[in-house]
Protein backbone atom coordinates (compact mmCIF):
# COMPACT_ATOMS: atom_id res chain seq x y z
CA MET A 1 10.20 -18.88 4.72
CA ILE A 2 9.22 -17.51 1.31
CA ASP A 3 6.74 -19.62 -0.68
CA VAL A 4 8.29 -20.97 -3.89
CA ALA A 5 5.38 -19.43 -5.82
CA PHE A 6 6.93 -16.02 -5.26
CA PHE A 7 9.94 -17.04 -7.38
CA ASN A 8 7.80 -17.19 -10.50
CA LEU A 9 7.09 -13.65 -11.65
CA ILE A 10 4.01 -13.34 -13.83
CA ASP A 11 4.75 -12.06 -17.29
CA SER A 12 2.34 -13.17 -20.00
CA ASP A 13 -0.99 -11.46 -20.70
CA ILE A 14 -2.78 -14.70 -19.83
CA GLN A 15 -1.14 -14.81 -16.38
CA ILE A 16 -1.88 -11.13 -15.77
CA GLU A 17 -5.50 -11.46 -16.85
CA ASN A 18 -5.93 -14.52 -14.64
CA ALA A 19 -4.39 -12.70 -11.66
CA ILE A 20 -6.81 -9.79 -12.11
CA LYS A 21 -9.76 -12.20 -12.29
CA ASN A 22 -8.65 -14.09 -9.19
CA ILE A 23 -8.08 -10.93 -7.14
CA ARG A 24 -11.51 -9.58 -8.02
CA GLU A 25 -13.30 -12.87 -7.40
CA ALA A 26 -11.63 -13.29 -4.00
CA LEU A 27 -12.60 -9.76 -3.00
CA ALA A 28 -16.20 -10.31 -4.14
CA ASN A 29 -16.39 -13.52 -2.12
CA TYR A 30 -15.04 -11.74 0.95
CA ILE A 31 -17.62 -8.97 0.63
CA GLU A 32 -20.43 -11.50 0.34
CA LYS A 33 -19.15 -13.69 3.18
CA TYR A 34 -19.01 -10.84 5.69
CA LYS A 35 -21.95 -8.86 4.26
CA LEU A 36 -19.87 -5.71 3.89
CA LYS A 37 -21.67 -2.51 2.97
CA ALA A 38 -18.65 -0.49 1.74
CA LEU A 39 -14.94 -0.55 1.01
CA VAL A 40 -12.76 2.34 2.18
CA ILE A 41 -9.40 3.19 0.62
CA GLY A 42 -6.74 5.85 1.02
CA ILE A 43 -5.70 7.29 -2.35
CA SER A 44 -2.10 8.48 -2.26
CA GLY A 45 -1.58 9.14 -5.95
CA GLY A 46 0.84 6.21 -6.20
CA VAL A 47 0.45 3.15 -8.36
CA ASP A 48 -0.39 0.73 -5.51
CA SER A 49 -3.47 2.49 -4.15
CA THR A 50 -4.52 3.30 -7.70
CA LEU A 51 -4.35 -0.35 -8.76
CA CYS A 52 -6.34 -1.36 -5.67
CA ALA A 53 -9.00 1.22 -6.54
CA VAL A 54 -9.20 0.06 -10.17
CA LEU A 55 -9.54 -3.55 -9.08
CA ALA A 56 -12.05 -2.79 -6.33
CA LYS A 57 -14.31 -0.39 -8.25
CA LYS A 58 -15.60 -3.09 -10.60
CA VAL A 59 -16.18 -5.48 -7.71
CA CYS A 60 -18.02 -2.84 -5.68
CA GLU A 61 -20.29 -2.08 -8.62
CA GLN A 62 -21.08 -5.76 -9.05
CA GLN A 63 -21.81 -6.05 -5.32
CA ARG A 64 -23.75 -2.76 -5.31
CA ILE A 65 -21.71 -1.17 -2.54
CA PRO A 66 -19.64 2.04 -2.67
CA LEU A 67 -15.88 2.36 -2.92
CA ILE A 68 -15.16 5.26 -0.58
CA GLY A 69 -11.86 7.00 -1.24
CA ARG A 70 -9.99 9.74 0.57
CA SER A 71 -6.84 11.60 -0.40
CA ILE A 72 -5.42 12.69 2.94
CA THR A 73 -2.39 14.94 2.68
CA ILE A 74 -0.28 16.25 5.53
CA GLU A 75 2.39 18.94 5.14
CA THR A 76 4.97 17.13 3.00
CA ASN A 77 2.88 15.95 0.03
CA SER A 78 3.84 17.70 -3.20
CA GLN A 79 1.30 19.59 -5.30
CA GLU A 80 1.85 17.09 -8.12
CA GLU A 81 1.09 14.23 -5.74
CA ILE A 82 -2.07 15.95 -4.49
CA LEU A 83 -3.43 16.69 -7.96
CA ARG A 84 -2.71 13.13 -9.08
CA SER A 85 -4.50 11.63 -6.06
CA ILE A 86 -7.55 13.84 -6.67
CA ALA A 87 -7.73 12.80 -10.33
CA ILE A 88 -7.47 9.13 -9.37
CA GLY A 89 -10.04 9.41 -6.60
CA LYS A 90 -12.57 11.13 -8.83
CA GLN A 91 -12.20 8.52 -11.56
CA PHE A 92 -12.14 5.31 -9.53
CA CYS A 93 -14.11 5.97 -6.33
CA HIS A 94 -17.86 6.34 -5.93
CA ASP A 95 -17.50 8.63 -2.91
CA PHE A 96 -14.32 10.71 -2.87
CA GLN A 97 -12.95 13.66 -0.93
CA TYR A 98 -9.62 15.42 -0.62
CA LEU A 99 -8.63 16.30 2.95
CA ASP A 100 -5.67 18.28 4.27
CA LEU A 101 -4.82 17.33 7.85
CA THR A 102 -1.76 19.57 8.14
CA GLU A 103 -3.29 21.86 10.76
CA THR A 104 -4.34 18.96 12.97
CA TYR A 105 -0.98 17.27 12.46
CA LEU A 106 0.98 20.36 13.54
CA VAL A 107 -0.98 20.40 16.80
CA ASN A 108 -0.28 16.71 17.44
CA LYS A 109 3.34 17.07 16.34
CA LYS A 110 4.04 18.99 19.54
CA LEU A 111 3.61 15.71 21.40
CA LEU A 112 6.66 14.29 19.61
CA THR A 113 9.54 15.54 21.71
CA PRO A 114 12.39 15.90 21.18
CA LEU A 115 12.52 16.43 17.40
CA ASP A 116 15.49 17.35 15.24
CA ASP A 117 16.69 16.86 11.65
CA SER A 118 17.67 13.22 12.18
CA LYS A 119 16.30 10.29 10.21
CA LEU A 120 14.73 8.94 13.40
CA SER A 121 12.76 12.15 13.89
CA LYS A 122 11.56 12.02 10.28
CA LEU A 123 10.44 8.42 10.76
CA ARG A 124 8.55 9.31 13.94
CA GLN A 125 6.77 12.17 12.19
CA GLY A 126 6.02 9.95 9.19
CA ASN A 127 4.53 7.29 11.45
CA MET A 128 2.26 9.83 13.10
CA LYS A 129 1.01 10.98 9.68
CA ALA A 130 0.26 7.41 8.62
CA ARG A 131 -1.62 6.72 11.86
CA MET A 132 -3.66 9.91 11.56
CA ARG A 133 -4.74 8.90 8.06
CA MET A 134 -5.71 5.44 9.21
CA MET A 135 -7.78 6.79 12.12
CA LEU A 136 -9.93 8.66 9.62
CA LEU A 137 -10.23 5.74 7.19
CA TYR A 138 -11.25 3.33 9.95
CA ASP A 139 -13.85 5.76 11.23
CA LEU A 140 -15.34 5.88 7.72
CA ALA A 141 -15.32 2.09 7.55
CA GLN A 142 -17.22 1.83 10.82
CA LEU A 143 -19.67 4.53 9.77
CA HIS A 144 -20.50 2.76 6.51
CA ARG A 145 -20.26 -0.81 7.89
CA GLY A 146 -17.29 -1.67 5.72
CA ILE A 147 -13.58 -2.36 5.87
CA VAL A 148 -10.35 -0.58 4.98
CA ILE A 149 -8.42 -1.78 1.96
CA ALA A 150 -4.67 -2.22 2.49
CA THR A 151 -2.60 -1.13 -0.51
CA ASP A 152 0.81 -2.68 0.19
CA ASN A 153 2.49 -5.00 -2.31
CA PHE A 154 4.81 -7.88 -1.48
CA THR A 155 8.02 -5.92 -2.06
CA GLU A 156 6.92 -3.24 0.41
CA TYR A 157 5.78 -5.91 2.85
CA LEU A 158 9.27 -7.44 2.83
CA THR A 159 11.08 -4.13 3.24
CA GLY A 160 8.88 -2.99 6.11
CA PHE A 161 7.75 -0.02 4.01
CA TRP A 162 4.61 0.47 6.08
CA THR A 163 3.67 1.70 9.52
CA LEU A 164 2.28 -0.61 12.17
CA HIS A 165 -1.23 0.60 13.05
CA GLY A 166 -0.85 3.14 10.27
CA ASP A 167 -0.95 2.54 6.53
CA VAL A 168 -2.35 -0.97 6.84
CA GLY A 169 -5.88 -2.30 6.50
CA ASP A 170 -8.29 -5.20 6.81
CA TYR A 171 -8.01 -6.70 3.34
CA ALA A 172 -4.86 -6.61 1.19
CA PRO A 173 -5.74 -7.45 -2.44
CA ILE A 174 -2.25 -6.95 -3.90
CA ILE A 175 -0.05 -8.17 -1.02
CA GLY A 176 0.82 -11.22 -3.15
CA LEU A 177 2.22 -9.13 -6.00
CA TRP A 178 5.81 -8.04 -6.38
CA LYS A 179 6.08 -4.31 -7.12
CA THR A 180 7.06 -5.02 -10.73
CA GLU A 181 3.89 -7.10 -11.07
CA VAL A 182 1.88 -4.16 -9.77
CA TYR A 183 3.11 -2.19 -12.77
CA LYS A 184 2.27 -5.05 -15.12
CA LEU A 185 -1.31 -5.36 -13.88
CA SER A 186 -1.76 -1.59 -13.92
CA ASN A 187 -0.61 -1.30 -17.52
CA PHE A 188 -2.85 -4.20 -18.51
CA LEU A 189 -5.88 -2.54 -16.89
CA LEU A 190 -5.46 0.59 -19.01
CA LYS A 191 -7.54 -1.18 -21.65
CA GLU A 192 -10.54 -1.15 -19.27
CA CYS A 193 -10.40 2.62 -18.87
CA ASN A 194 -12.22 5.47 -20.55
CA LYS A 195 -10.17 8.51 -21.57
CA GLU A 196 -10.19 10.23 -18.17
CA GLN A 197 -9.54 7.02 -16.25
CA TYR A 198 -6.72 6.11 -18.63
CA GLU A 199 -4.98 9.43 -17.99
CA ALA A 200 -5.34 9.14 -14.21
CA LEU A 201 -4.02 5.56 -14.12
CA LYS A 202 -1.20 6.38 -16.52
CA GLN A 203 -0.05 9.25 -14.31
CA ALA A 204 0.09 6.90 -11.32
CA ILE A 205 2.10 4.35 -13.30
CA ASN A 206 4.61 7.00 -14.41
CA ALA A 207 4.95 8.69 -11.01
CA LEU A 208 8.19 8.46 -9.05
CA PRO A 209 7.46 6.12 -6.10
CA ALA A 210 7.51 8.10 -2.85
CA ASP A 211 6.19 7.44 0.64
CA GLY A 212 4.39 10.78 0.96
CA LEU A 213 5.82 11.12 4.47
CA GLY A 214 8.68 13.45 3.62
CA ILE A 215 11.41 11.05 4.73
CA THR A 216 13.23 10.97 1.36
CA ASN A 217 12.55 12.10 -2.20
CA SER A 218 11.77 8.58 -3.43
CA ASP A 219 11.53 4.95 -2.35
CA TYR A 220 14.74 4.24 -4.24
CA ASP A 221 16.72 6.55 -1.95
CA GLN A 222 15.69 4.47 1.05
CA LEU A 223 16.19 1.07 -0.59
CA GLY A 224 19.54 1.66 -2.26
CA VAL A 225 18.31 0.65 -5.72
CA LYS A 226 17.80 2.41 -9.05
CA ASP A 227 14.24 1.08 -9.46
CA TYR A 228 11.86 -1.63 -8.26
CA PHE A 229 12.96 -4.01 -11.00
CA GLU A 230 16.38 -4.08 -9.33
CA ALA A 231 14.76 -4.42 -5.89
CA ASP A 232 12.64 -7.43 -6.88
CA LYS A 233 15.62 -9.09 -8.58
CA LEU A 234 17.75 -8.64 -5.46
CA PHE A 235 15.05 -10.19 -3.29
CA LEU A 236 14.61 -13.13 -5.64
CA ASP A 237 18.36 -13.75 -5.82
CA TYR A 238 18.64 -13.56 -2.04
CA PHE A 239 15.78 -15.98 -1.40
CA LYS A 240 17.28 -18.39 -3.92
CA GLY A 241 20.39 -18.59 -1.75
CA ASN A 242 22.71 -15.71 -2.66
CA GLU A 243 24.02 -14.93 0.82
CA ASN A 244 26.44 -12.34 -0.59
CA LEU A 245 23.48 -9.95 -0.75
CA GLU A 246 22.89 -10.05 3.00
CA ASN A 247 24.63 -6.72 3.61
CA HIS A 248 22.72 -4.85 0.91
CA ILE A 249 20.53 -2.11 2.40
CA LEU A 250 17.42 -3.71 0.87
CA ILE A 251 18.06 -7.08 2.51
CA GLN A 252 19.00 -5.40 5.78
CA LYS A 253 15.63 -3.65 5.75
CA TYR A 254 13.97 -7.04 5.26
CA LEU A 255 15.86 -8.59 8.17
CA ASN A 256 15.41 -5.61 10.48
CA SER A 257 11.65 -5.39 9.88
CA THR A 258 10.88 -9.02 10.75
CA TYR A 259 9.14 -7.92 13.94
CA LYS A 260 6.56 -6.05 11.84
CA ARG A 261 5.58 -9.16 9.91
CA GLU A 262 5.22 -11.07 13.19
CA ASN A 263 2.95 -8.45 14.70
CA PRO A 264 1.18 -9.01 16.99
CA LYS A 265 3.63 -11.37 18.67
CA PHE A 266 1.90 -13.49 21.27
CA LEU A 267 2.57 -16.44 23.51
CA SER A 268 0.57 -19.58 22.90
CA ARG A 269 -1.30 -21.15 25.80
CA ASN A 270 1.25 -23.97 25.78
CA ALA A 271 4.05 -21.47 26.32
CA ILE A 272 2.15 -19.66 29.06
CA PHE A 273 1.29 -22.79 31.03
CA ASP A 274 4.37 -24.89 30.28
CA ASN A 275 5.93 -26.34 33.40
């Protein structure tokens, strides 16, 4: 059941500014509560991870802990994507490195048999890439006594646009934002930036959304929409009761990925011991 609060898209500058303040305060409180010594984030070059880095950097500086970022590319990332992620990482992370795991991936890829040109094979390879990235990020988090920041937004969460035990994390600062709201907050935060930060953030905002896994050229190809504004509108219309949308590819992805949002599925003690 979708909370009614998700039907009210933020729009005004006051709402956006308040959302930014609340996200940062909640993250600061979490850091203090669990005495975290670092935050670790994967920088893809997309707007979601960039927004998370922009939001987290200020909090980390206030808490006097580092924001550790890694751009981890594997085989299918474009040169444009790589250069954008490096620019973002350098501007918004205190400790940043670019890593290419292609060689390691190609060794592990041999374990995925059989492989062909099918969509299923592409998904399997994409999942392995996401899980390899997360192994490295979690190792960094353990090393520095911190946690991994999840960068998914609410639209991606609904569509299942993430890999179980892969591109997820411990704390998800923007999971309550529709993708269109991610763009709104990102544009608003441009005013906080110096010249170099502005350029890096602007590039992320203007970039064509892609999964970086080589499955399709853009998110839109997989979702059957022209942009995320259409995707969010379709979701909102569907949750308000428009059952005619049930066969749309976007809604089908939502329905077919329910198991992900219920993960891990477990039996309660009452179910186990029920006579």
